[in-house]
N, C-alpha and C. Protein backbone atom coordinates (compact mmCIF):
# COMPACT_ATOMS: atom_id res chain seq x y z
N MET A 1 0.82 -1.20 0.00
CA MET A 1 0.00 0.00 0.00
C MET A 1 0.87 1.27 0.00
N CYS A 2 1.96 1.23 0.74
CA CYS A 2 2.87 2.37 0.83
C CYS A 2 3.50 2.68 -0.54
N ILE A 3 3.84 1.64 -1.28
CA ILE A 3 4.44 1.83 -2.61
C ILE A 3 3.43 2.48 -3.55
N LEU A 4 2.18 2.06 -3.50
CA LEU A 4 1.13 2.64 -4.34
C LEU A 4 0.95 4.12 -4.02
N LEU A 5 0.95 4.46 -2.73
CA LEU A 5 0.80 5.84 -2.32
C LEU A 5 1.99 6.68 -2.80
N ARG A 6 3.20 6.15 -2.70
CA ARG A 6 4.39 6.86 -3.13
C ARG A 6 4.34 7.11 -4.65
N HIS A 7 3.93 6.12 -5.43
CA HIS A 7 3.81 6.29 -6.88
C HIS A 7 2.73 7.30 -7.23
N SER A 8 1.66 7.32 -6.49
CA SER A 8 0.58 8.29 -6.74
C SER A 8 1.04 9.71 -6.47
N VAL A 9 1.78 9.88 -5.37
CA VAL A 9 2.30 11.21 -5.04
C VAL A 9 3.29 11.65 -6.12
N PHE A 10 4.15 10.73 -6.56
CA PHE A 10 5.12 11.06 -7.60
C PHE A 10 4.40 11.45 -8.90
N ALA A 11 3.39 10.68 -9.27
CA ALA A 11 2.64 10.98 -10.50
C ALA A 11 1.93 12.32 -10.40
N LEU A 12 1.35 12.62 -9.25
CA LEU A 12 0.67 13.89 -9.05
C LEU A 12 1.66 15.06 -9.13
N ALA A 13 2.83 14.90 -8.53
CA ALA A 13 3.86 15.94 -8.59
C ALA A 13 4.35 16.15 -10.02
N ALA A 14 4.53 15.08 -10.77
CA ALA A 14 4.97 15.19 -12.16
C ALA A 14 3.93 15.92 -13.00
N MET A 15 2.65 15.60 -12.79
CA MET A 15 1.59 16.27 -13.55
C MET A 15 1.53 17.75 -13.20
N LEU A 16 1.73 18.09 -11.94
CA LEU A 16 1.72 19.48 -11.52
C LEU A 16 2.87 20.25 -12.16
N LEU A 17 4.07 19.65 -12.18
CA LEU A 17 5.21 20.30 -12.82
C LEU A 17 4.98 20.51 -14.31
N LEU A 18 4.42 19.52 -14.98
CA LEU A 18 4.13 19.66 -16.42
C LEU A 18 3.08 20.73 -16.67
N ALA A 19 2.11 20.81 -15.79
CA ALA A 19 1.05 21.81 -15.96
C ALA A 19 1.58 23.22 -15.76
N LEU A 20 2.56 23.39 -14.87
CA LEU A 20 3.10 24.72 -14.58
C LEU A 20 4.28 25.10 -15.47
N ALA A 21 4.84 24.16 -16.20
CA ALA A 21 6.03 24.42 -17.03
C ALA A 21 5.84 25.57 -18.02
N PRO A 22 4.70 25.69 -18.72
CA PRO A 22 4.57 26.80 -19.67
C PRO A 22 4.67 28.17 -19.02
N PHE A 23 4.31 28.28 -17.74
CA PHE A 23 4.41 29.56 -17.07
C PHE A 23 5.83 29.88 -16.66
N ALA A 24 6.60 28.85 -16.37
CA ALA A 24 7.99 29.05 -15.98
C ALA A 24 8.89 29.26 -17.18
N PHE A 25 8.59 28.58 -18.27
CA PHE A 25 9.40 28.66 -19.49
C PHE A 25 8.47 28.90 -20.68
N PRO A 26 8.11 30.16 -20.97
CA PRO A 26 7.18 30.42 -22.06
C PRO A 26 7.68 29.88 -23.39
N ILE A 27 6.76 29.33 -24.15
CA ILE A 27 7.10 28.79 -25.46
C ILE A 27 7.56 29.93 -26.36
N GLY A 28 8.68 29.73 -27.04
CA GLY A 28 9.19 30.73 -27.97
C GLY A 28 10.11 31.74 -27.32
N ALA A 29 10.16 31.78 -25.98
CA ALA A 29 11.03 32.73 -25.32
C ALA A 29 12.45 32.17 -25.27
N LEU A 30 13.40 33.01 -25.60
CA LEU A 30 14.80 32.60 -25.54
C LEU A 30 15.47 33.30 -24.37
N ALA A 31 16.44 32.65 -23.79
CA ALA A 31 17.21 33.26 -22.72
C ALA A 31 18.00 34.43 -23.28
N ASP A 32 18.30 35.41 -22.43
CA ASP A 32 19.06 36.57 -22.87
C ASP A 32 20.38 36.17 -23.50
N SER A 33 21.01 35.13 -22.98
CA SER A 33 22.29 34.70 -23.54
C SER A 33 22.13 34.17 -24.96
N ASP A 34 20.95 33.63 -25.30
CA ASP A 34 20.70 33.15 -26.66
C ASP A 34 20.48 34.31 -27.62
N CYS A 35 20.15 35.47 -27.09
CA CYS A 35 19.86 36.63 -27.94
C CYS A 35 21.03 37.60 -28.04
N ALA A 36 22.04 37.41 -27.25
CA ALA A 36 23.15 38.36 -27.20
C ALA A 36 23.95 38.35 -28.49
N GLU A 37 23.94 39.44 -29.21
CA GLU A 37 24.78 39.70 -30.38
C GLU A 37 25.24 38.46 -31.14
N ARG A 38 24.32 37.62 -31.47
CA ARG A 38 24.66 36.45 -32.28
C ARG A 38 24.28 36.73 -33.72
N GLU A 39 25.10 36.30 -34.60
CA GLU A 39 24.84 36.53 -36.02
C GLU A 39 24.01 35.42 -36.63
N PHE A 40 23.97 34.25 -36.02
CA PHE A 40 23.22 33.11 -36.54
C PHE A 40 23.64 32.80 -37.96
N GLU A 41 24.94 32.96 -38.28
CA GLU A 41 25.43 32.80 -39.64
C GLU A 41 25.23 31.40 -40.19
N ASP A 42 25.20 30.41 -39.32
CA ASP A 42 25.09 29.04 -39.79
C ASP A 42 23.63 28.63 -40.03
N GLU A 43 22.71 29.54 -39.88
CA GLU A 43 21.31 29.22 -40.03
C GLU A 43 20.77 29.78 -41.34
N HIS A 44 19.66 29.23 -41.79
CA HIS A 44 18.97 29.73 -42.98
C HIS A 44 18.22 31.01 -42.63
N ASP A 45 17.81 31.75 -43.66
CA ASP A 45 17.11 33.02 -43.45
C ASP A 45 15.91 32.87 -42.52
N HIS A 46 15.09 31.85 -42.76
CA HIS A 46 13.88 31.72 -41.94
C HIS A 46 14.22 31.41 -40.49
N GLU A 47 15.32 30.71 -40.23
CA GLU A 47 15.73 30.43 -38.86
C GLU A 47 16.28 31.69 -38.19
N ARG A 48 17.08 32.47 -38.95
CA ARG A 48 17.60 33.73 -38.41
C ARG A 48 16.45 34.68 -38.10
N ALA A 49 15.48 34.75 -39.00
CA ALA A 49 14.33 35.64 -38.80
C ALA A 49 13.52 35.21 -37.58
N ARG A 50 13.32 33.91 -37.42
CA ARG A 50 12.54 33.41 -36.28
C ARG A 50 13.25 33.75 -34.97
N ARG A 51 14.57 33.51 -34.93
CA ARG A 51 15.32 33.81 -33.70
C ARG A 51 15.31 35.31 -33.40
N ALA A 52 15.52 36.12 -34.41
CA ALA A 52 15.52 37.57 -34.21
C ALA A 52 14.15 38.04 -33.74
N LEU A 53 13.08 37.46 -34.26
CA LEU A 53 11.73 37.80 -33.83
C LEU A 53 11.52 37.38 -32.38
N GLU A 54 11.94 36.17 -32.03
CA GLU A 54 11.80 35.69 -30.65
C GLU A 54 12.59 36.54 -29.67
N CYS A 55 13.70 37.11 -30.13
CA CYS A 55 14.53 37.95 -29.28
C CYS A 55 14.02 39.40 -29.24
N GLY A 56 12.99 39.70 -30.03
CA GLY A 56 12.43 41.04 -30.04
C GLY A 56 13.24 42.02 -30.85
N GLU A 57 14.11 41.53 -31.73
CA GLU A 57 14.98 42.42 -32.50
C GLU A 57 14.36 42.84 -33.83
N VAL A 58 13.35 42.12 -34.30
CA VAL A 58 12.71 42.45 -35.58
C VAL A 58 11.19 42.42 -35.42
N MET A 59 10.54 43.11 -36.34
CA MET A 59 9.08 43.05 -36.41
C MET A 59 8.71 41.82 -37.25
N PRO A 60 7.50 41.31 -37.07
CA PRO A 60 7.06 40.21 -37.94
C PRO A 60 7.10 40.65 -39.41
N LEU A 61 7.47 39.73 -40.28
CA LEU A 61 7.58 40.03 -41.70
C LEU A 61 6.28 40.62 -42.26
N ALA A 62 5.15 40.08 -41.86
CA ALA A 62 3.86 40.58 -42.36
C ALA A 62 3.66 42.05 -41.99
N ASP A 63 4.08 42.45 -40.79
CA ASP A 63 3.95 43.85 -40.37
C ASP A 63 4.88 44.75 -41.17
N VAL A 64 6.10 44.29 -41.42
CA VAL A 64 7.05 45.07 -42.21
C VAL A 64 6.53 45.24 -43.63
N LEU A 65 6.05 44.15 -44.22
CA LEU A 65 5.50 44.23 -45.58
C LEU A 65 4.30 45.18 -45.63
N ALA A 66 3.43 45.12 -44.65
CA ALA A 66 2.28 46.01 -44.62
C ALA A 66 2.71 47.47 -44.55
N ALA A 67 3.79 47.74 -43.84
CA ALA A 67 4.27 49.12 -43.70
C ALA A 67 4.92 49.64 -44.97
N VAL A 68 5.66 48.79 -45.69
CA VAL A 68 6.39 49.28 -46.87
C VAL A 68 5.63 49.08 -48.18
N ARG A 69 4.64 48.22 -48.18
CA ARG A 69 3.92 47.90 -49.42
C ARG A 69 3.36 49.14 -50.13
N PRO A 70 2.82 50.13 -49.42
CA PRO A 70 2.32 51.32 -50.13
C PRO A 70 3.40 52.09 -50.87
N GLN A 71 4.66 51.90 -50.48
CA GLN A 71 5.76 52.64 -51.08
C GLN A 71 6.45 51.89 -52.21
N ILE A 72 6.11 50.63 -52.39
CA ILE A 72 6.68 49.86 -53.48
C ILE A 72 5.55 49.21 -54.27
N SER A 73 5.76 49.11 -55.57
CA SER A 73 4.73 48.46 -56.37
C SER A 73 5.40 47.42 -57.27
N GLY A 74 4.77 46.32 -57.40
CA GLY A 74 5.31 45.24 -58.19
C GLY A 74 5.19 43.92 -57.45
N LYS A 75 5.71 42.89 -58.07
CA LYS A 75 5.62 41.55 -57.51
C LYS A 75 6.92 41.21 -56.79
N ILE A 76 6.82 40.92 -55.48
CA ILE A 76 8.00 40.53 -54.71
C ILE A 76 8.39 39.12 -55.12
N ILE A 77 9.66 38.95 -55.48
CA ILE A 77 10.13 37.64 -55.93
C ILE A 77 11.13 36.99 -54.96
N GLU A 78 11.67 37.78 -54.03
CA GLU A 78 12.62 37.22 -53.09
C GLU A 78 12.69 38.09 -51.83
N THR A 79 12.85 37.42 -50.70
CA THR A 79 12.99 38.11 -49.42
C THR A 79 14.16 37.48 -48.67
N GLU A 80 15.03 38.31 -48.12
CA GLU A 80 16.15 37.83 -47.32
C GLU A 80 16.23 38.67 -46.05
N ILE A 81 16.88 38.12 -45.05
CA ILE A 81 17.16 38.90 -43.84
C ILE A 81 18.62 38.69 -43.48
N GLU A 82 19.28 39.77 -43.13
CA GLU A 82 20.68 39.68 -42.71
C GLU A 82 20.99 40.83 -41.78
N ARG A 83 22.08 40.69 -41.10
CA ARG A 83 22.51 41.74 -40.18
C ARG A 83 23.52 42.62 -40.90
N GLU A 84 23.24 43.91 -40.96
CA GLU A 84 24.12 44.88 -41.62
C GLU A 84 24.38 46.03 -40.67
N ASP A 85 25.64 46.30 -40.41
CA ASP A 85 26.02 47.42 -39.54
C ASP A 85 25.28 47.38 -38.20
N GLY A 86 25.10 46.18 -37.64
CA GLY A 86 24.50 46.04 -36.33
C GLY A 86 22.99 46.00 -36.27
N ILE A 87 22.33 46.11 -37.43
CA ILE A 87 20.86 46.03 -37.41
C ILE A 87 20.40 44.94 -38.38
N TRP A 88 19.22 44.39 -38.09
CA TRP A 88 18.63 43.40 -38.98
C TRP A 88 17.97 44.12 -40.14
N VAL A 89 18.24 43.64 -41.35
CA VAL A 89 17.71 44.27 -42.55
C VAL A 89 17.01 43.23 -43.41
N TYR A 90 15.75 43.53 -43.76
CA TYR A 90 15.06 42.72 -44.75
C TYR A 90 15.41 43.28 -46.13
N GLU A 91 15.70 42.39 -47.05
CA GLU A 91 15.94 42.80 -48.43
C GLU A 91 14.84 42.18 -49.28
N PHE A 92 14.06 43.03 -49.91
CA PHE A 92 12.99 42.58 -50.79
C PHE A 92 13.41 42.84 -52.23
N LYS A 93 13.33 41.84 -53.07
CA LYS A 93 13.55 42.01 -54.50
C LYS A 93 12.20 41.86 -55.18
N PHE A 94 11.90 42.82 -56.05
CA PHE A 94 10.64 42.73 -56.77
C PHE A 94 10.80 43.25 -58.18
N ILE A 95 9.86 42.87 -59.00
CA ILE A 95 9.80 43.34 -60.39
C ILE A 95 8.75 44.43 -60.44
N ASP A 96 9.16 45.62 -60.88
CA ASP A 96 8.20 46.73 -60.93
C ASP A 96 7.36 46.66 -62.21
N ALA A 97 6.45 47.60 -62.36
CA ALA A 97 5.52 47.60 -63.50
C ALA A 97 6.24 47.69 -64.83
N GLY A 98 7.45 48.27 -64.84
CA GLY A 98 8.23 48.40 -66.07
C GLY A 98 9.11 47.19 -66.35
N GLY A 99 9.02 46.16 -65.49
CA GLY A 99 9.81 44.96 -65.70
C GLY A 99 11.22 45.02 -65.12
N ARG A 100 11.51 46.08 -64.37
CA ARG A 100 12.85 46.22 -63.78
C ARG A 100 12.93 45.51 -62.44
N LEU A 101 14.12 44.97 -62.13
CA LEU A 101 14.39 44.38 -60.83
C LEU A 101 14.74 45.50 -59.86
N VAL A 102 14.06 45.53 -58.74
CA VAL A 102 14.30 46.56 -57.73
C VAL A 102 14.56 45.87 -56.39
N GLU A 103 15.55 46.37 -55.65
CA GLU A 103 15.85 45.88 -54.31
C GLU A 103 15.51 46.97 -53.31
N VAL A 104 14.81 46.57 -52.26
CA VAL A 104 14.48 47.50 -51.19
C VAL A 104 15.05 46.93 -49.89
N HIS A 105 15.87 47.73 -49.21
CA HIS A 105 16.44 47.33 -47.92
C HIS A 105 15.65 48.05 -46.83
N VAL A 106 15.15 47.26 -45.88
CA VAL A 106 14.26 47.80 -44.84
C VAL A 106 14.79 47.40 -43.47
N ASP A 107 14.84 48.36 -42.56
CA ASP A 107 15.21 48.08 -41.17
C ASP A 107 14.12 47.15 -40.61
N ALA A 108 14.52 45.93 -40.22
CA ALA A 108 13.55 44.92 -39.78
C ALA A 108 12.98 45.22 -38.40
N GLY A 109 13.61 46.12 -37.67
CA GLY A 109 13.11 46.48 -36.34
C GLY A 109 12.12 47.62 -36.35
N THR A 110 12.18 48.46 -37.41
CA THR A 110 11.33 49.66 -37.45
C THR A 110 10.48 49.75 -38.70
N ALA A 111 10.75 48.93 -39.70
CA ALA A 111 10.07 48.95 -41.00
C ALA A 111 10.40 50.22 -41.80
N ARG A 112 11.50 50.88 -41.47
CA ARG A 112 11.92 52.08 -42.20
C ARG A 112 12.74 51.66 -43.41
N ILE A 113 12.39 52.20 -44.58
CA ILE A 113 13.15 51.90 -45.79
C ILE A 113 14.51 52.58 -45.71
N LEU A 114 15.55 51.78 -45.89
CA LEU A 114 16.92 52.29 -45.80
C LEU A 114 17.48 52.63 -47.16
N LYS A 115 17.13 51.81 -48.17
CA LYS A 115 17.73 51.99 -49.48
C LYS A 115 16.85 51.33 -50.52
N ILE A 116 16.79 51.96 -51.70
CA ILE A 116 16.10 51.37 -52.85
C ILE A 116 17.08 51.40 -54.01
N LYS A 117 17.33 50.21 -54.58
CA LYS A 117 18.24 50.10 -55.72
C LYS A 117 17.44 49.57 -56.89
N GLY A 118 17.50 50.29 -58.02
CA GLY A 118 16.79 49.84 -59.21
C GLY A 118 17.74 49.32 -60.27
N ASP A 119 17.22 48.52 -61.18
CA ASP A 119 17.97 47.97 -62.28
C ASP A 119 17.84 48.93 -63.46
N GLU A 120 18.71 49.94 -63.49
CA GLU A 120 18.63 50.95 -64.54
C GLU A 120 19.13 50.45 -65.86
């Protein structure tokens, strides 16, 4: 009987810890040490973007696109993210109405357009 009681207490404690775990360690939250000035060079763009978003260093891509879309017209054909001069930068390549390739560099933390390069 004592063994059954001990196993029941252990099982109850394990369930309680599992139930409280999301509050102690929020899903998607990274430790400060994981966010400290890492370049994430060995990761793909989507992994770098996800980590930078989790660390609060960039805005969600959809929000950035919504902010810059009124200022650019055409079909976006490629999106990249990289760290330039200490800030995260989204690079959007699109084809404008005239068929030219245009690159737009946007600060991923503020959605401010930094540079527009056209294919003259």
